[in-house]
Amino acid sequence: MNEAEFAEQIRQRCLQAALATYEESGLLGLCQQGRFELAMDAIRALNLSQLPGENHDQE
């Protein structure tokens, strides 16, 4: 896996986490600001060490 593919994989994980949390918090009745804050927290909480191909620096 090259660096661009690895970066895209990270971007997709971040987007998935943010969107899922944003939608879920909307169903719970949070306002837009609260939903956004939780979405950002979801990105911060991602465990990126579990990505496949994490040894991309060793190429």
C-alpha atoms as a PDB file:
ATOM      1  CA  MET A   1       0.000   0.000   0.000  1.00  0.00           C
ATOM      2  CA  ASN A   2       1.470   3.370  -0.968  1.00  0.00           C
ATOM      3  CA  GLU A   3       1.228   6.572   1.062  1.00  0.00           C
ATOM      4  CA  ALA A   4      -1.692   7.974  -0.959  1.00  0.00           C
ATOM      5  CA  GLU A   5      -3.744   4.814  -0.432  1.00  0.00           C
ATOM      6  CA  PHE A   6      -2.905   4.808   3.262  1.00  0.00           C
ATOM      7  CA  ALA A   7      -3.912   8.468   3.598  1.00  0.00           C
ATOM      8  CA  GLU A   8      -7.188   7.791   1.775  1.00  0.00           C
ATOM      9  CA  GLN A   9      -7.922   4.904   4.118  1.00  0.00           C
ATOM     10  CA  ILE A  10      -7.425   7.193   7.107  1.00  0.00           C
ATOM     11  CA  ARG A  11      -9.632   9.869   5.519  1.00  0.00           C
ATOM     12  CA  GLN A  12     -12.415   7.347   4.946  1.00  0.00           C
ATOM     13  CA  ARG A  13     -12.244   6.080   8.537  1.00  0.00           C
ATOM     14  CA  CYS A  14     -12.484   9.657   9.832  1.00  0.00           C
ATOM     15  CA  LEU A  15     -15.437  10.473   7.586  1.00  0.00           C
ATOM     16  CA  GLN A  16     -17.274   7.287   8.534  1.00  0.00           C
ATOM     17  CA  ALA A  17     -16.797   7.949  12.237  1.00  0.00           C
ATOM     18  CA  ALA A  18     -17.881  11.579  11.958  1.00  0.00           C
ATOM     19  CA  LEU A  19     -20.948  10.913   9.810  1.00  0.00           C
ATOM     20  CA  ALA A  20     -22.162   7.981  11.885  1.00  0.00           C
ATOM     21  CA  THR A  21     -21.806   9.956  15.111  1.00  0.00           C
ATOM     22  CA  TYR A  22     -23.429  13.068  13.605  1.00  0.00           C
ATOM     23  CA  GLU A  23     -26.461  11.078  12.433  1.00  0.00           C
ATOM     24  CA  GLU A  24     -26.761   9.126  15.678  1.00  0.00           C
ATOM     25  CA  SER A  25     -26.580  12.239  17.834  1.00  0.00           C
ATOM     26  CA  GLY A  26     -29.249  13.868  15.656  1.00  0.00           C
ATOM     27  CA  LEU A  27     -31.570  10.977  16.408  1.00  0.00           C
ATOM     28  CA  LEU A  28     -30.896  11.592  20.091  1.00  0.00           C
ATOM     29  CA  GLY A  29     -32.096  15.177  19.690  1.00  0.00           C
ATOM     30  CA  LEU A  30     -28.836  17.098  19.899  1.00  0.00           C
ATOM     31  CA  CYS A  31     -28.571  20.503  18.244  1.00  0.00           C
ATOM     32  CA  GLN A  32     -26.310  21.035  15.245  1.00  0.00           C
ATOM     33  CA  GLN A  33     -23.431  22.360  17.367  1.00  0.00           C
ATOM     34  CA  GLY A  34     -23.638  19.393  19.733  1.00  0.00           C
ATOM     35  CA  ARG A  35     -23.753  16.972  16.831  1.00  0.00           C
ATOM     36  CA  PHE A  36     -20.685  18.599  15.281  1.00  0.00           C
ATOM     37  CA  GLU A  37     -18.757  18.486  18.550  1.00  0.00           C
ATOM     38  CA  LEU A  38     -19.512  14.792  19.008  1.00  0.00           C
ATOM     39  CA  ALA A  39     -18.500  14.088  15.404  1.00  0.00           C
ATOM     40  CA  MET A  40     -15.134  15.770  16.021  1.00  0.00           C
ATOM     41  CA  ASP A  41     -14.722  13.768  19.233  1.00  0.00           C
ATOM     42  CA  ALA A  42     -15.375  10.577  17.261  1.00  0.00           C
ATOM     43  CA  ILE A  43     -12.505  11.432  14.914  1.00  0.00           C
ATOM     44  CA  ARG A  44     -10.206  12.200  17.835  1.00  0.00           C
ATOM     45  CA  ALA A  45     -11.090   8.879  19.465  1.00  0.00           C
ATOM     46  CA  LEU A  46     -10.343   6.734  16.397  1.00  0.00           C
ATOM     47  CA  ASN A  47      -7.750   4.036  16.928  1.00  0.00           C
ATOM     48  CA  LEU A  48      -5.750   4.381  13.731  1.00  0.00           C
ATOM     49  CA  SER A  49      -3.144   1.875  14.849  1.00  0.00           C
ATOM     50  CA  GLN A  50      -5.500  -0.905  13.756  1.00  0.00           C
ATOM     51  CA  LEU A  51      -5.505   0.091  10.089  1.00  0.00           C
ATOM     52  CA  PRO A  52      -4.428  -2.649   7.683  1.00  0.00           C
ATOM     53  CA  GLY A  53      -1.136  -1.839   6.007  1.00  0.00           C
ATOM     54  CA  GLU A  54       0.061   0.286   8.896  1.00  0.00           C
ATOM     55  CA  ASN A  55       3.645  -0.689   8.082  1.00  0.00           C
ATOM     56  CA  HIS A  56       3.657   1.638   5.054  1.00  0.00           C
ATOM     57  CA  ASP A  57       6.739   3.445   6.385  1.00  0.00           C
ATOM     58  CA  GLN A  58       8.812   0.302   5.933  1.00  0.00           C
ATOM     59  CA  GLU A  59       8.541   0.220   2.131  1.00  0.00           C
END
